[in-house]
Structures are given as structure tokens and as C-alpha cells.
Amino acid sequence: MSTAMRGGALVRPRYGRMIAGVCAALAHRFGWSPKTVRIAFVLSCLLPGPQFLLYVAMWIIIPKER
């Protein structure tokens, strides 16, 4: 794990990501399991709302890990 990830920065990891790394980035930032965040995201998509649009926006906004 890079120093940026340990320092609490919100960055999309190079490894361990499924699609874009948004869920993995959030999990690492808050100290959660990436699997838990992914399951929560999928379950939230069953509810009405802009979840997918937020995911795409975060994909664009959150920088990649160097």
C-alpha cells in the first residue's frame, strides 16, 4: 500500500479494483473492506436515486494512484 493510501488520501488504487476503483478507494480511505463497499453499492442501486451517476462522477473526480 502506498504512502498516499496510508495518509488518508482519496485515490483510486492501481491494484485490487473491479471496474474503476471507486469502491476500493472509498474502502481504503475509511478503513472498510472493499467487498463490503461493493456490496453496499450494488444494494443501493436497487433503490431509486442517482447512485450510478455518482459513481461515474467519482470515477472522473478521484485521481488514480501513481
PDB file of N, CA and C in Angstrom:
ATOM      1  N   MET A   1       0.854  -1.169   0.000  1.00  0.00           N
ATOM      2  CA  MET A   1       0.000   0.000   0.000  1.00  0.00           C
ATOM      3  C   MET A   1       0.901   1.234   0.000  1.00  0.00           C
ATOM      4  N   SER A   2       0.569   2.202  -0.818  1.00  0.00           N
ATOM      5  CA  SER A   2       1.404   3.388  -0.941  1.00  0.00           C
ATOM      6  C   SER A   2       1.220   4.309   0.262  1.00  0.00           C
ATOM      7  N   THR A   3       2.122   5.282   0.382  1.00  0.00           N
ATOM      8  CA  THR A   3       2.019   6.228   1.481  1.00  0.00           C
ATOM      9  C   THR A   3       0.804   7.118   1.326  1.00  0.00           C
ATOM     10  N   ALA A   4       0.383   7.368   0.083  1.00  0.00           N
ATOM     11  CA  ALA A   4      -0.815   8.181  -0.127  1.00  0.00           C
ATOM     12  C   ALA A   4      -2.042   7.476   0.443  1.00  0.00           C
ATOM     13  N   MET A   5      -2.110   6.172   0.292  1.00  0.00           N
ATOM     14  CA  MET A   5      -3.249   5.429   0.807  1.00  0.00           C
ATOM     15  C   MET A   5      -3.230   5.409   2.334  1.00  0.00           C
ATOM     16  N   ARG A   6      -2.054   5.272   2.925  1.00  0.00           N
ATOM     17  CA  ARG A   6      -1.977   5.246   4.384  1.00  0.00           C
ATOM     18  C   ARG A   6      -2.245   6.617   4.977  1.00  0.00           C
ATOM     19  N   GLY A   7      -1.959   7.664   4.214  1.00  0.00           N
ATOM     20  CA  GLY A   7      -2.135   9.020   4.709  1.00  0.00           C
ATOM     21  C   GLY A   7      -3.580   9.492   4.693  1.00  0.00           C
ATOM     22  N   GLY A   8      -4.478   8.692   4.157  1.00  0.00           N
ATOM     23  CA  GLY A   8      -5.874   9.061   4.157  1.00  0.00           C
ATOM     24  C   GLY A   8      -6.320   9.769   2.892  1.00  0.00           C
ATOM     25  N   ALA A   9      -5.465   9.856   1.884  1.00  0.00           N
ATOM     26  CA  ALA A   9      -5.853  10.494   0.632  1.00  0.00           C
ATOM     27  C   ALA A   9      -6.857   9.607  -0.099  1.00  0.00           C
ATOM     28  N   LEU A  10      -7.744  10.244  -0.809  1.00  0.00           N
ATOM     29  CA  LEU A  10      -8.737   9.510  -1.585  1.00  0.00           C
ATOM     30  C   LEU A  10      -8.207   9.369  -3.003  1.00  0.00           C
ATOM     31  N   VAL A  11      -7.667   8.197  -3.309  1.00  0.00           N
ATOM     32  CA  VAL A  11      -7.137   7.898  -4.637  1.00  0.00           C
ATOM     33  C   VAL A  11      -7.595   6.510  -5.051  1.00  0.00           C
ATOM     34  N   ARG A  12      -7.803   6.346  -6.358  1.00  0.00           N
ATOM     35  CA  ARG A  12      -8.202   5.039  -6.879  1.00  0.00           C
ATOM     36  C   ARG A  12      -6.958   4.174  -7.023  1.00  0.00           C
ATOM     37  N   PRO A  13      -6.943   2.988  -6.401  1.00  0.00           N
ATOM     38  CA  PRO A  13      -5.754   2.139  -6.431  1.00  0.00           C
ATOM     39  C   PRO A  13      -5.501   1.537  -7.810  1.00  0.00           C
ATOM     40  N   ARG A  14      -4.234   1.196  -8.055  1.00  0.00           N
ATOM     41  CA  ARG A  14      -3.871   0.528  -9.310  1.00  0.00           C
ATOM     42  C   ARG A  14      -4.286  -0.941  -9.283  1.00  0.00           C
ATOM     43  N   TYR A  15      -4.176  -1.555  -8.120  1.00  0.00           N
ATOM     44  CA  TYR A  15      -4.453  -2.989  -7.986  1.00  0.00           C
ATOM     45  C   TYR A  15      -5.598  -3.199  -7.004  1.00  0.00           C
ATOM     46  N   GLY A  16      -6.344  -4.275  -7.202  1.00  0.00           N
ATOM     47  CA  GLY A  16      -7.431  -4.610  -6.286  1.00  0.00           C
ATOM     48  C   GLY A  16      -8.736  -3.914  -6.617  1.00  0.00           C
ATOM     49  N   ARG A  17      -8.839  -3.374  -7.807  1.00  0.00           N
ATOM     50  CA  ARG A  17     -10.087  -2.719  -8.164  1.00  0.00           C
ATOM     51  C   ARG A  17     -10.870  -3.592  -9.137  1.00  0.00           C
ATOM     52  N   MET A  18     -12.167  -3.396  -9.158  1.00  0.00           N
ATOM     53  CA  MET A  18     -13.027  -4.199 -10.025  1.00  0.00           C
ATOM     54  C   MET A  18     -13.260  -3.492 -11.356  1.00  0.00           C
ATOM     55  N   ILE A  19     -13.880  -2.332 -11.327  1.00  0.00           N
ATOM     56  CA  ILE A  19     -14.180  -1.602 -12.561  1.00  0.00           C
ATOM     57  C   ILE A  19     -13.290  -0.369 -12.633  1.00  0.00           C
ATOM     58  N   ALA A  20     -13.561   0.606 -11.815  1.00  0.00           N
ATOM     59  CA  ALA A  20     -12.790   1.854 -11.859  1.00  0.00           C
ATOM     60  C   ALA A  20     -12.001   2.094 -10.582  1.00  0.00           C
ATOM     61  N   GLY A  21     -12.291   1.363  -9.540  1.00  0.00           N
ATOM     62  CA  GLY A  21     -11.567   1.535  -8.286  1.00  0.00           C
ATOM     63  C   GLY A  21     -12.224   2.499  -7.317  1.00  0.00           C
ATOM     64  N   VAL A  22     -13.417   2.951  -7.618  1.00  0.00           N
ATOM     65  CA  VAL A  22     -14.102   3.909  -6.750  1.00  0.00           C
ATOM     66  C   VAL A  22     -14.437   3.272  -5.405  1.00  0.00           C
ATOM     67  N   CYS A  23     -15.018   2.097  -5.413  1.00  0.00           N
ATOM     68  CA  CYS A  23     -15.362   1.424  -4.157  1.00  0.00           C
ATOM     69  C   CYS A  23     -14.112   1.080  -3.351  1.00  0.00           C
ATOM     70  N   ALA A  24     -13.052   0.649  -4.032  1.00  0.00           N
ATOM     71  CA  ALA A  24     -11.802   0.336  -3.342  1.00  0.00           C
ATOM     72  C   ALA A  24     -11.198   1.596  -2.727  1.00  0.00           C
ATOM     73  N   ALA A  25     -11.288   2.711  -3.432  1.00  0.00           N
ATOM     74  CA  ALA A  25     -10.761   3.973  -2.908  1.00  0.00           C
ATOM     75  C   ALA A  25     -11.514   4.398  -1.650  1.00  0.00           C
ATOM     76  N   LEU A  26     -12.836   4.306  -1.698  1.00  0.00           N
ATOM     77  CA  LEU A  26     -13.634   4.667  -0.523  1.00  0.00           C
ATOM     78  C   LEU A  26     -13.356   3.724   0.640  1.00  0.00           C
ATOM     79  N   ALA A  27     -13.226   2.440   0.350  1.00  0.00           N
ATOM     80  CA  ALA A  27     -12.953   1.465   1.404  1.00  0.00           C
ATOM     81  C   ALA A  27     -11.608   1.735   2.064  1.00  0.00           C
ATOM     82  N   HIS A  28     -10.587   1.991   1.278  1.00  0.00           N
ATOM     83  CA  HIS A  28      -9.260   2.255   1.846  1.00  0.00           C
ATOM     84  C   HIS A  28      -9.248   3.559   2.624  1.00  0.00           C
ATOM     85  N   ARG A  29      -9.958   4.558   2.136  1.00  0.00           N
ATOM     86  CA  ARG A  29      -9.984   5.860   2.804  1.00  0.00           C
ATOM     87  C   ARG A  29     -10.618   5.768   4.180  1.00  0.00           C
ATOM     88  N   PHE A  30     -11.691   4.986   4.308  1.00  0.00           N
ATOM     89  CA  PHE A  30     -12.412   4.904   5.568  1.00  0.00           C
ATOM     90  C   PHE A  30     -12.088   3.657   6.390  1.00  0.00           C
ATOM     91  N   GLY A  31     -11.170   2.819   5.893  1.00  0.00           N
ATOM     92  CA  GLY A  31     -10.752   1.646   6.648  1.00  0.00           C
ATOM     93  C   GLY A  31     -11.748   0.501   6.623  1.00  0.00           C
ATOM     94  N   TRP A  32     -12.537   0.437   5.570  1.00  0.00           N
ATOM     95  CA  TRP A  32     -13.522  -0.624   5.429  1.00  0.00           C
ATOM     96  C   TRP A  32     -13.021  -1.681   4.461  1.00  0.00           C
ATOM     97  N   SER A  33     -13.733  -2.774   4.372  1.00  0.00           N
ATOM     98  CA  SER A  33     -13.427  -3.821   3.410  1.00  0.00           C
ATOM     99  C   SER A  33     -13.963  -3.408   2.038  1.00  0.00           C
ATOM    100  N   PRO A  34     -13.149  -3.527   0.973  1.00  0.00           N
ATOM    101  CA  PRO A  34     -13.656  -3.207  -0.366  1.00  0.00           C
ATOM    102  C   PRO A  34     -14.878  -4.040  -0.748  1.00  0.00           C
ATOM    103  N   LYS A  35     -14.908  -5.291  -0.308  1.00  0.00           N
ATOM    104  CA  LYS A  35     -16.045  -6.163  -0.609  1.00  0.00           C
ATOM    105  C   LYS A  35     -17.328  -5.605   0.011  1.00  0.00           C
ATOM    106  N   THR A  36     -17.244  -5.099   1.218  1.00  0.00           N
ATOM    107  CA  THR A  36     -18.403  -4.521   1.895  1.00  0.00           C
ATOM    108  C   THR A  36     -18.918  -3.296   1.148  1.00  0.00           C
ATOM    109  N   VAL A  37     -18.011  -2.442   0.713  1.00  0.00           N
ATOM    110  CA  VAL A  37     -18.414  -1.235  -0.012  1.00  0.00           C
ATOM    111  C   VAL A  37     -19.055  -1.603  -1.348  1.00  0.00           C
ATOM    112  N   ARG A  38     -18.487  -2.583  -2.028  1.00  0.00           N
ATOM    113  CA  ARG A  38     -19.059  -3.019  -3.316  1.00  0.00           C
ATOM    114  C   ARG A  38     -20.465  -3.583  -3.140  1.00  0.00           C
ATOM    115  N   ILE A  39     -20.661  -4.402  -2.105  1.00  0.00           N
ATOM    116  CA  ILE A  39     -21.986  -4.976  -1.843  1.00  0.00           C
ATOM    117  C   ILE A  39     -22.973  -3.867  -1.497  1.00  0.00           C
ATOM    118  N   ALA A  40     -22.544  -2.915  -0.677  1.00  0.00           N
ATOM    119  CA  ALA A  40     -23.426  -1.795  -0.318  1.00  0.00           C
ATOM    120  C   ALA A  40     -23.800  -0.983  -1.554  1.00  0.00           C
ATOM    121  N   PHE A  41     -22.845  -0.783  -2.459  1.00  0.00           N
ATOM    122  CA  PHE A  41     -23.150  -0.034  -3.684  1.00  0.00           C
ATOM    123  C   PHE A  41     -24.163  -0.774  -4.555  1.00  0.00           C
ATOM    124  N   VAL A  42     -23.950  -2.072  -4.735  1.00  0.00           N
ATOM    125  CA  VAL A  42     -24.871  -2.856  -5.561  1.00  0.00           C
ATOM    126  C   VAL A  42     -26.268  -2.853  -4.948  1.00  0.00           C
ATOM    127  N   LEU A  43     -26.350  -3.018  -3.639  1.00  0.00           N
ATOM    128  CA  LEU A  43     -27.655  -2.993  -2.975  1.00  0.00           C
ATOM    129  C   LEU A  43     -28.304  -1.616  -3.083  1.00  0.00           C
ATOM    130  N   SER A  44     -27.503  -0.558  -3.017  1.00  0.00           N
ATOM    131  CA  SER A  44     -28.064   0.789  -3.128  1.00  0.00           C
ATOM    132  C   SER A  44     -28.608   1.053  -4.527  1.00  0.00           C
ATOM    133  N   CYS A  45     -28.077   0.358  -5.522  1.00  0.00           N
ATOM    134  CA  CYS A  45     -28.581   0.530  -6.891  1.00  0.00           C
ATOM    135  C   CYS A  45     -29.984  -0.030  -7.057  1.00  0.00           C
ATOM    136  N   LEU A  46     -30.434  -0.845  -6.117  1.00  0.00           N
ATOM    137  CA  LEU A  46     -31.795  -1.361  -6.151  1.00  0.00           C
ATOM    138  C   LEU A  46     -32.801  -0.296  -5.723  1.00  0.00           C
ATOM    139  N   LEU A  47     -32.321   0.743  -5.055  1.00  0.00           N
ATOM    140  CA  LEU A  47     -33.175   1.839  -4.607  1.00  0.00           C
ATOM    141  C   LEU A  47     -33.180   2.938  -5.665  1.00  0.00           C
ATOM    142  N   PRO A  48     -34.250   3.728  -5.717  1.00  0.00           N
ATOM    143  CA  PRO A  48     -34.253   4.841  -6.673  1.00  0.00           C
ATOM    144  C   PRO A  48     -33.252   5.911  -6.246  1.00  0.00           C
ATOM    145  N   GLY A  49     -32.603   6.503  -7.219  1.00  0.00           N
ATOM    146  CA  GLY A  49     -31.647   7.565  -6.923  1.00  0.00           C
ATOM    147  C   GLY A  49     -30.516   7.596  -7.934  1.00  0.00           C
ATOM    148  N   PRO A  50     -29.630   8.547  -7.775  1.00  0.00           N
ATOM    149  CA  PRO A  50     -28.560   8.768  -8.755  1.00  0.00           C
ATOM    150  C   PRO A  50     -27.255   8.027  -8.433  1.00  0.00           C
ATOM    151  N   GLN A  51     -27.333   6.835  -7.869  1.00  0.00           N
ATOM    152  CA  GLN A  51     -26.134   6.124  -7.445  1.00  0.00           C
ATOM    153  C   GLN A  51     -25.147   5.919  -8.592  1.00  0.00           C
ATOM    154  N   PHE A  52     -25.628   5.479  -9.729  1.00  0.00           N
ATOM    155  CA  PHE A  52     -24.738   5.205 -10.856  1.00  0.00           C
ATOM    156  C   PHE A  52     -24.086   6.492 -11.354  1.00  0.00           C
ATOM    157  N   LEU A  53     -24.841   7.579 -11.381  1.00  0.00           N
ATOM    158  CA  LEU A  53     -24.273   8.863 -11.811  1.00  0.00           C
ATOM    159  C   LEU A  53     -23.209   9.348 -10.830  1.00  0.00           C
ATOM    160  N   LEU A  54     -23.434   9.133  -9.539  1.00  0.00           N
ATOM    161  CA  LEU A  54     -22.426   9.493  -8.540  1.00  0.00           C
ATOM    162  C   LEU A  54     -21.161   8.664  -8.709  1.00  0.00           C
ATOM    163  N   TYR A  55     -21.335   7.392  -9.029  1.00  0.00           N
ATOM    164  CA  TYR A  55     -20.182   6.522  -9.255  1.00  0.00           C
ATOM    165  C   TYR A  55     -19.359   7.031 -10.433  1.00  0.00           C
ATOM    166  N   VAL A  56     -20.018   7.371 -11.526  1.00  0.00           N
ATOM    167  CA  VAL A  56     -19.315   7.876 -12.708  1.00  0.00           C
ATOM    168  C   VAL A  56     -18.627   9.203 -12.395  1.00  0.00           C
ATOM    169  N   ALA A  57     -19.299  10.085 -11.654  1.00  0.00           N
ATOM    170  CA  ALA A  57     -18.698  11.364 -11.274  1.00  0.00           C
ATOM    171  C   ALA A  57     -17.463  11.151 -10.407  1.00  0.00           C
ATOM    172  N   MET A  58     -17.544  10.213  -9.465  1.00  0.00           N
ATOM    173  CA  MET A  58     -16.386   9.940  -8.606  1.00  0.00           C
ATOM    174  C   MET A  58     -15.256   9.301  -9.408  1.00  0.00           C
ATOM    175  N   TRP A  59     -15.591   8.520 -10.416  1.00  0.00           N
ATOM    176  CA  TRP A  59     -14.600   7.917 -11.300  1.00  0.00           C
ATOM    177  C   TRP A  59     -13.802   9.018 -11.989  1.00  0.00           C
ATOM    178  N   ILE A  60     -14.484  10.074 -12.371  1.00  0.00           N
ATOM    179  CA  ILE A  60     -13.833  11.195 -13.057  1.00  0.00           C
ATOM    180  C   ILE A  60     -13.051  12.060 -12.068  1.00  0.00           C
ATOM    181  N   ILE A  61     -13.611  12.309 -10.897  1.00  0.00           N
ATOM    182  CA  ILE A  61     -13.030  13.255  -9.946  1.00  0.00           C
ATOM    183  C   ILE A  61     -11.868  12.675  -9.146  1.00  0.00           C
ATOM    184  N   ILE A  62     -11.982  11.437  -8.669  1.00  0.00           N
ATOM    185  CA  ILE A  62     -10.945  10.841  -7.811  1.00  0.00           C
ATOM    186  C   ILE A  62      -9.731  10.471  -8.661  1.00  0.00           C
ATOM    187  N   PRO A  63      -8.566  10.976  -8.312  1.00  0.00           N
ATOM    188  CA  PRO A  63      -7.374  10.683  -9.111  1.00  0.00           C
ATOM    189  C   PRO A  63      -6.890   9.241  -8.931  1.00  0.00           C
ATOM    190  N   LYS A  64      -6.150   8.759  -9.945  1.00  0.00           N
ATOM    191  CA  LYS A  64      -5.542   7.434  -9.861  1.00  0.00           C
ATOM    192  C   LYS A  64      -4.321   7.466  -8.967  1.00  0.00           C
ATOM    193  N   GLU A  65      -4.030   6.344  -8.349  1.00  0.00           N
ATOM    194  CA  GLU A  65      -2.819   6.205  -7.556  1.00  0.00           C
ATOM    195  C   GLU A  65      -1.624   6.197  -8.513  1.00  0.00           C
ATOM    196  N   ARG A  66      -0.568   6.865  -8.145  1.00  0.00           N
ATOM    197  CA  ARG A  66       0.616   6.922  -9.020  1.00  0.00           C
ATOM    198  C   ARG A  66       1.565   5.814  -8.736  1.00  0.00           C
TER     199      ARG A  66
END
